[in-house]
Amino acid sequence: MLQACRELGVPAVVTEQHPRALGPTVPELGAHDLPKHPKTCFSMVVPAVEAELRARPGLASVLLCGIETQACILSTALDLLERGLDVHVVVDACSSRSQVERLVALGRLRQSGAFLSTSESLVLQLLRDAAHPRFRQVQQLIKEPAPDSGLLGLQGLLGGPGGPGGP
C-alpha cells in the first residue's frame, strides 16, 4: 500500500505505538523517509496527526492499515468515523496477535461504518482507469499474488456467504 500511495502521490501518515518499549517501525515497510509520530494511546489520532488532518481541509477518505486491529486500527477508525471521514480498512494489511481478535475487530469496524477492502481493490479504486499515467508502475505492485491473509474461509464473520449480511 505504501509503495502504491507513493506512486500515486497519496500522502501517508505513520504512527508508532510506544516505540521506546516496542521498537520502531520495521524497515521492511519502507517507511524510513516518513516522519513517525510516537504514541501510547491506541488511536493514531494524536495531536500531530490531528494537525495533519486539519492541513487537508478537503480530506474525505482515509485508508487505514497496521497492526493490532482490535486495538489501534479499531480505535483509530472509530475516531476518524466520528470526525466524518470515510474509513477504508485495508484488511490484508492489518494484523493482530490473534486471528480471532482480528476477525471480531473487522466485524465491528464494518458494523461501525468502515469499509473493508483489500489492498488490490483499493489501489485499483485510486487509479480509477487503466489509462492513468502511473497504471503500469502500480500494476507491477499488484501483479504478484498476495500472501494468504488468513481471511479466506472466514467470510461468515466478515459478512460473506452465510454470515451477517450474507445470503
C-alpha atoms as a PDB file:
ATOM      1  CA  MET A   1       0.000   0.000   0.000  1.00  0.00           C
ATOM      2  CA  LEU A   2       2.751   2.409   0.901  1.00  0.00           C
ATOM      3  CA  GLN A   3       4.514   1.909  -2.438  1.00  0.00           C
ATOM      4  CA  ALA A   4       1.261   2.421  -4.336  1.00  0.00           C
ATOM      5  CA  CYS A   5       0.499   5.568  -2.352  1.00  0.00           C
ATOM      6  CA  ARG A   6       3.939   6.909  -3.208  1.00  0.00           C
ATOM      7  CA  GLU A   7       3.425   6.186  -6.916  1.00  0.00           C
ATOM      8  CA  LEU A   8       0.053   7.934  -6.853  1.00  0.00           C
ATOM      9  CA  GLY A   9       1.022  10.881  -4.668  1.00  0.00           C
ATOM     10  CA  VAL A  10      -1.292   9.837  -1.829  1.00  0.00           C
ATOM     11  CA  PRO A  11       0.073  11.203   1.477  1.00  0.00           C
ATOM     12  CA  ALA A  12       0.897   8.670   4.185  1.00  0.00           C
ATOM     13  CA  VAL A  13       0.996   9.168   7.938  1.00  0.00           C
ATOM     14  CA  VAL A  14       2.890   6.782  10.218  1.00  0.00           C
ATOM     15  CA  THR A  15       2.467   6.382  13.958  1.00  0.00           C
ATOM     16  CA  GLU A  16       4.421   4.106  16.245  1.00  0.00           C
ATOM     17  CA  GLN A  17       2.921   2.535  19.343  1.00  0.00           C
ATOM     18  CA  HIS A  18       5.240   3.254  22.262  1.00  0.00           C
ATOM     19  CA  PRO A  19       8.424   2.824  20.185  1.00  0.00           C
ATOM     20  CA  ARG A  20      10.768   3.050  23.200  1.00  0.00           C
ATOM     21  CA  ALA A  21       9.192  -0.103  24.627  1.00  0.00           C
ATOM     22  CA  LEU A  22       8.002  -1.909  21.485  1.00  0.00           C
ATOM     23  CA  GLY A  23      10.635  -0.813  18.987  1.00  0.00           C
ATOM     24  CA  PRO A  24      10.490   1.293  15.826  1.00  0.00           C
ATOM     25  CA  THR A  25       8.666   0.662  12.558  1.00  0.00           C
ATOM     26  CA  VAL A  26      10.271  -2.306  10.808  1.00  0.00           C
ATOM     27  CA  PRO A  27      12.420  -1.354   7.801  1.00  0.00           C
ATOM     28  CA  GLU A  28      10.598  -3.859   5.561  1.00  0.00           C
ATOM     29  CA  LEU A  29       7.660  -1.449   5.339  1.00  0.00           C
ATOM     30  CA  GLY A  30       9.828   1.066   3.504  1.00  0.00           C
ATOM     31  CA  ALA A  31       8.688   3.992   5.656  1.00  0.00           C
ATOM     32  CA  HIS A  32      12.216   5.105   6.535  1.00  0.00           C
ATOM     33  CA  ASP A  33      11.762   8.521   4.899  1.00  0.00           C
ATOM     34  CA  LEU A  34       8.415   9.308   6.537  1.00  0.00           C
ATOM     35  CA  PRO A  35       8.075  11.106   9.859  1.00  0.00           C
ATOM     36  CA  LYS A  36       6.857   8.804  12.600  1.00  0.00           C
ATOM     37  CA  HIS A  37       4.576  10.080  15.329  1.00  0.00           C
ATOM     38  CA  PRO A  38       5.108   8.210  18.598  1.00  0.00           C
ATOM     39  CA  LYS A  39       2.047   7.466  20.713  1.00  0.00           C
ATOM     40  CA  THR A  40       0.942   5.483  23.723  1.00  0.00           C
ATOM     41  CA  CYS A  41      -2.826   5.709  23.169  1.00  0.00           C
ATOM     42  CA  PHE A  42      -4.323   3.143  20.819  1.00  0.00           C
ATOM     43  CA  SER A  43      -5.798   5.634  18.355  1.00  0.00           C
ATOM     44  CA  MET A  44      -3.378   7.246  15.954  1.00  0.00           C
ATOM     45  CA  VAL A  45      -5.438  10.441  16.123  1.00  0.00           C
ATOM     46  CA  VAL A  46      -2.893  12.203  18.343  1.00  0.00           C
ATOM     47  CA  PRO A  47      -2.199  15.970  18.194  1.00  0.00           C
ATOM     48  CA  ALA A  48       0.412  15.668  15.400  1.00  0.00           C
ATOM     49  CA  VAL A  49      -1.965  13.608  13.267  1.00  0.00           C
ATOM     50  CA  GLU A  50      -4.863  15.955  14.101  1.00  0.00           C
ATOM     51  CA  ALA A  51      -2.720  18.771  12.707  1.00  0.00           C
ATOM     52  CA  GLU A  52      -2.109  16.788   9.514  1.00  0.00           C
ATOM     53  CA  LEU A  53      -5.840  16.171   9.153  1.00  0.00           C
ATOM     54  CA  ARG A  54      -6.614  19.882   9.620  1.00  0.00           C
ATOM     55  CA  ALA A  55      -3.967  20.729   6.999  1.00  0.00           C
ATOM     56  CA  ARG A  56      -6.078  18.811   4.445  1.00  0.00           C
ATOM     57  CA  PRO A  57      -9.475  20.544   4.610  1.00  0.00           C
ATOM     58  CA  GLY A  58     -10.823  18.660   1.569  1.00  0.00           C
ATOM     59  CA  LEU A  59      -9.941  15.269   3.021  1.00  0.00           C
ATOM     60  CA  ALA A  60     -12.947  12.952   2.830  1.00  0.00           C
ATOM     61  CA  SER A  61     -11.478   9.424   2.990  1.00  0.00           C
ATOM     62  CA  VAL A  62      -8.599   7.600   4.596  1.00  0.00           C
ATOM     63  CA  LEU A  63      -7.022   4.197   4.004  1.00  0.00           C
ATOM     64  CA  LEU A  64      -6.102   2.542   7.268  1.00  0.00           C
ATOM     65  CA  CYS A  65      -3.708  -0.332   7.835  1.00  0.00           C
ATOM     66  CA  GLY A  66      -1.413  -1.538  10.576  1.00  0.00           C
ATOM     67  CA  ILE A  67      -1.111  -3.970  13.409  1.00  0.00           C
ATOM     68  CA  GLU A  68      -3.283  -4.853  16.361  1.00  0.00           C
ATOM     69  CA  THR A  69      -6.586  -4.491  14.536  1.00  0.00           C
ATOM     70  CA  GLN A  70      -8.550  -4.935  17.771  1.00  0.00           C
ATOM     71  CA  ALA A  71      -6.755  -2.008  19.420  1.00  0.00           C
ATOM     72  CA  CYS A  72      -5.042   0.571  17.209  1.00  0.00           C
ATOM     73  CA  ILE A  73      -6.942   0.064  13.944  1.00  0.00           C
ATOM     74  CA  LEU A  74     -10.314  -0.106  15.698  1.00  0.00           C
ATOM     75  CA  SER A  75      -9.686   2.937  17.923  1.00  0.00           C
ATOM     76  CA  THR A  76      -8.314   4.977  15.036  1.00  0.00           C
ATOM     77  CA  ALA A  77     -11.168   4.050  12.698  1.00  0.00           C
ATOM     78  CA  LEU A  78     -13.792   4.949  15.292  1.00  0.00           C
ATOM     79  CA  ASP A  79     -12.099   8.321  15.916  1.00  0.00           C
ATOM     80  CA  LEU A  80     -11.912   9.065  12.186  1.00  0.00           C
ATOM     81  CA  LEU A  81     -15.514   7.999  11.591  1.00  0.00           C
ATOM     82  CA  GLU A  82     -16.565  10.314  14.421  1.00  0.00           C
ATOM     83  CA  ARG A  83     -14.845  13.147  12.528  1.00  0.00           C
ATOM     84  CA  GLY A  84     -16.993  12.396   9.478  1.00  0.00           C
ATOM     85  CA  LEU A  85     -14.312  10.736   7.354  1.00  0.00           C
ATOM     86  CA  ASP A  86     -14.883   7.654   5.226  1.00  0.00           C
ATOM     87  CA  VAL A  87     -12.571   4.965   6.563  1.00  0.00           C
ATOM     88  CA  HIS A  88     -11.356   2.192   4.252  1.00  0.00           C
ATOM     89  CA  VAL A  89      -9.665  -0.578   6.225  1.00  0.00           C
ATOM     90  CA  VAL A  90      -7.118  -2.487   4.161  1.00  0.00           C
ATOM     91  CA  VAL A  91      -7.917  -5.921   5.595  1.00  0.00           C
ATOM     92  CA  ASP A  92      -4.937  -7.713   4.055  1.00  0.00           C
ATOM     93  CA  ALA A  93      -2.633  -5.042   5.523  1.00  0.00           C
ATOM     94  CA  CYS A  94      -3.981  -5.338   9.083  1.00  0.00           C
ATOM     95  CA  SER A  95      -2.994  -7.930  11.623  1.00  0.00           C
ATOM     96  CA  SER A  96      -3.366  -8.928  15.247  1.00  0.00           C
ATOM     97  CA  ARG A  97      -1.623 -11.312  17.575  1.00  0.00           C
ATOM     98  CA  SER A  98      -4.768 -13.436  17.375  1.00  0.00           C
ATOM     99  CA  GLN A  99      -6.842 -14.244  14.291  1.00  0.00           C
ATOM    100  CA  VAL A 100     -10.000 -14.234  16.444  1.00  0.00           C
ATOM    101  CA  GLU A 101      -9.265 -10.700  17.711  1.00  0.00           C
ATOM    102  CA  ARG A 102      -8.576  -9.561  14.166  1.00  0.00           C
ATOM    103  CA  LEU A 103     -11.763 -11.013  12.744  1.00  0.00           C
ATOM    104  CA  VAL A 104     -14.018  -9.759  15.525  1.00  0.00           C
ATOM    105  CA  ALA A 105     -12.474  -6.281  15.204  1.00  0.00           C
ATOM    106  CA  LEU A 106     -13.035  -6.301  11.431  1.00  0.00           C
ATOM    107  CA  GLY A 107     -16.658  -7.273  12.020  1.00  0.00           C
ATOM    108  CA  ARG A 108     -17.081  -4.411  14.478  1.00  0.00           C
ATOM    109  CA  LEU A 109     -15.421  -1.995  12.059  1.00  0.00           C
ATOM    110  CA  ARG A 110     -17.906  -2.975   9.358  1.00  0.00           C
ATOM    111  CA  GLN A 111     -20.826  -2.560  11.793  1.00  0.00           C
ATOM    112  CA  SER A 112     -19.487   0.882  12.733  1.00  0.00           C
ATOM    113  CA  GLY A 113     -19.480   2.098   9.138  1.00  0.00           C
ATOM    114  CA  ALA A 114     -15.919   1.454   7.990  1.00  0.00           C
ATOM    115  CA  PHE A 115     -15.435  -0.045   4.533  1.00  0.00           C
ATOM    116  CA  LEU A 116     -13.463  -3.301   4.450  1.00  0.00           C
ATOM    117  CA  SER A 117     -11.433  -3.877   1.329  1.00  0.00           C
ATOM    118  CA  THR A 118      -8.220  -5.407   0.023  1.00  0.00           C
ATOM    119  CA  SER A 119      -5.081  -3.581  -0.987  1.00  0.00           C
ATOM    120  CA  GLU A 120      -5.508  -4.542  -4.641  1.00  0.00           C
ATOM    121  CA  SER A 121      -9.096  -3.327  -4.747  1.00  0.00           C
ATOM    122  CA  LEU A 122      -8.220  -0.012  -3.099  1.00  0.00           C
ATOM    123  CA  VAL A 123      -5.235   0.556  -5.371  1.00  0.00           C
ATOM    124  CA  LEU A 124      -7.433  -0.009  -8.418  1.00  0.00           C
ATOM    125  CA  GLN A 125     -10.019   2.403  -6.991  1.00  0.00           C
ATOM    126  CA  LEU A 126      -7.298   5.009  -6.570  1.00  0.00           C
ATOM    127  CA  LEU A 127      -6.210   4.506 -10.190  1.00  0.00           C
ATOM    128  CA  ARG A 128      -9.824   4.561 -11.471  1.00  0.00           C
ATOM    129  CA  ASP A 129      -8.712   3.918 -15.065  1.00  0.00           C
ATOM    130  CA  ALA A 130      -6.154   1.756 -16.899  1.00  0.00           C
ATOM    131  CA  ALA A 131      -5.290   4.940 -18.797  1.00  0.00           C
ATOM    132  CA  HIS A 132      -3.935   6.512 -15.583  1.00  0.00           C
ATOM    133  CA  PRO A 133      -0.364   7.711 -16.266  1.00  0.00           C
ATOM    134  CA  ARG A 134       1.008   5.630 -13.336  1.00  0.00           C
ATOM    135  CA  PHE A 135      -1.028   2.493 -14.118  1.00  0.00           C
ATOM    136  CA  ARG A 136       1.927   0.396 -15.359  1.00  0.00           C
ATOM    137  CA  GLN A 137       4.067   1.188 -12.295  1.00  0.00           C
ATOM    138  CA  VAL A 138       1.247   0.451  -9.869  1.00  0.00           C
ATOM    139  CA  GLN A 139       0.172  -2.650 -11.797  1.00  0.00           C
ATOM    140  CA  GLN A 140       3.617  -4.116 -11.116  1.00  0.00           C
ATOM    141  CA  LEU A 141       2.946  -3.770  -7.380  1.00  0.00           C
ATOM    142  CA  ILE A 142      -0.273  -5.787  -7.519  1.00  0.00           C
ATOM    143  CA  LYS A 143       0.775  -8.288 -10.177  1.00  0.00           C
ATOM    144  CA  GLU A 144       2.382 -10.646  -7.673  1.00  0.00           C
ATOM    145  CA  PRO A 145      -0.180 -12.770  -5.841  1.00  0.00           C
ATOM    146  CA  ALA A 146      -0.675 -11.521  -2.301  1.00  0.00           C
ATOM    147  CA  PRO A 147       0.278 -13.862   0.524  1.00  0.00           C
ATOM    148  CA  ASP A 148      -2.612 -15.587   2.279  1.00  0.00           C
ATOM    149  CA  SER A 149      -4.052 -13.101   4.753  1.00  0.00           C
ATOM    150  CA  GLY A 150      -5.869 -15.771   6.740  1.00  0.00           C
ATOM    151  CA  LEU A 151      -9.247 -14.227   5.906  1.00  0.00           C
ATOM    152  CA  LEU A 152     -10.350 -16.692   3.238  1.00  0.00           C
ATOM    153  CA  GLY A 153     -12.902 -19.159   4.512  1.00  0.00           C
ATOM    154  CA  LEU A 154     -13.844 -16.913   7.413  1.00  0.00           C
ATOM    155  CA  GLN A 155     -16.379 -14.915   5.423  1.00  0.00           C
ATOM    156  CA  GLY A 156     -19.214 -15.545   7.891  1.00  0.00           C
ATOM    157  CA  LEU A 157     -17.689 -13.246  10.477  1.00  0.00           C
ATOM    158  CA  LEU A 158     -16.938 -10.633   7.822  1.00  0.00           C
ATOM    159  CA  GLY A 159     -20.406 -10.663   6.306  1.00  0.00           C
ATOM    160  CA  GLY A 160     -19.777 -13.095   3.474  1.00  0.00           C
ATOM    161  CA  PRO A 161     -21.944 -16.063   2.468  1.00  0.00           C
ATOM    162  CA  GLY A 162     -23.760 -17.476   5.431  1.00  0.00           C
ATOM    163  CA  GLY A 163     -22.709 -14.668   7.777  1.00  0.00           C
ATOM    164  CA  PRO A 164     -24.155 -11.325   8.804  1.00  0.00           C
ATOM    165  CA  GLY A 165     -25.280  -9.589   5.656  1.00  0.00           C
ATOM    166  CA  GLY A 166     -24.623 -12.677   3.535  1.00  0.00           C
ATOM    167  CA  PRO A 167     -27.159 -14.723   1.554  1.00  0.00           C
END
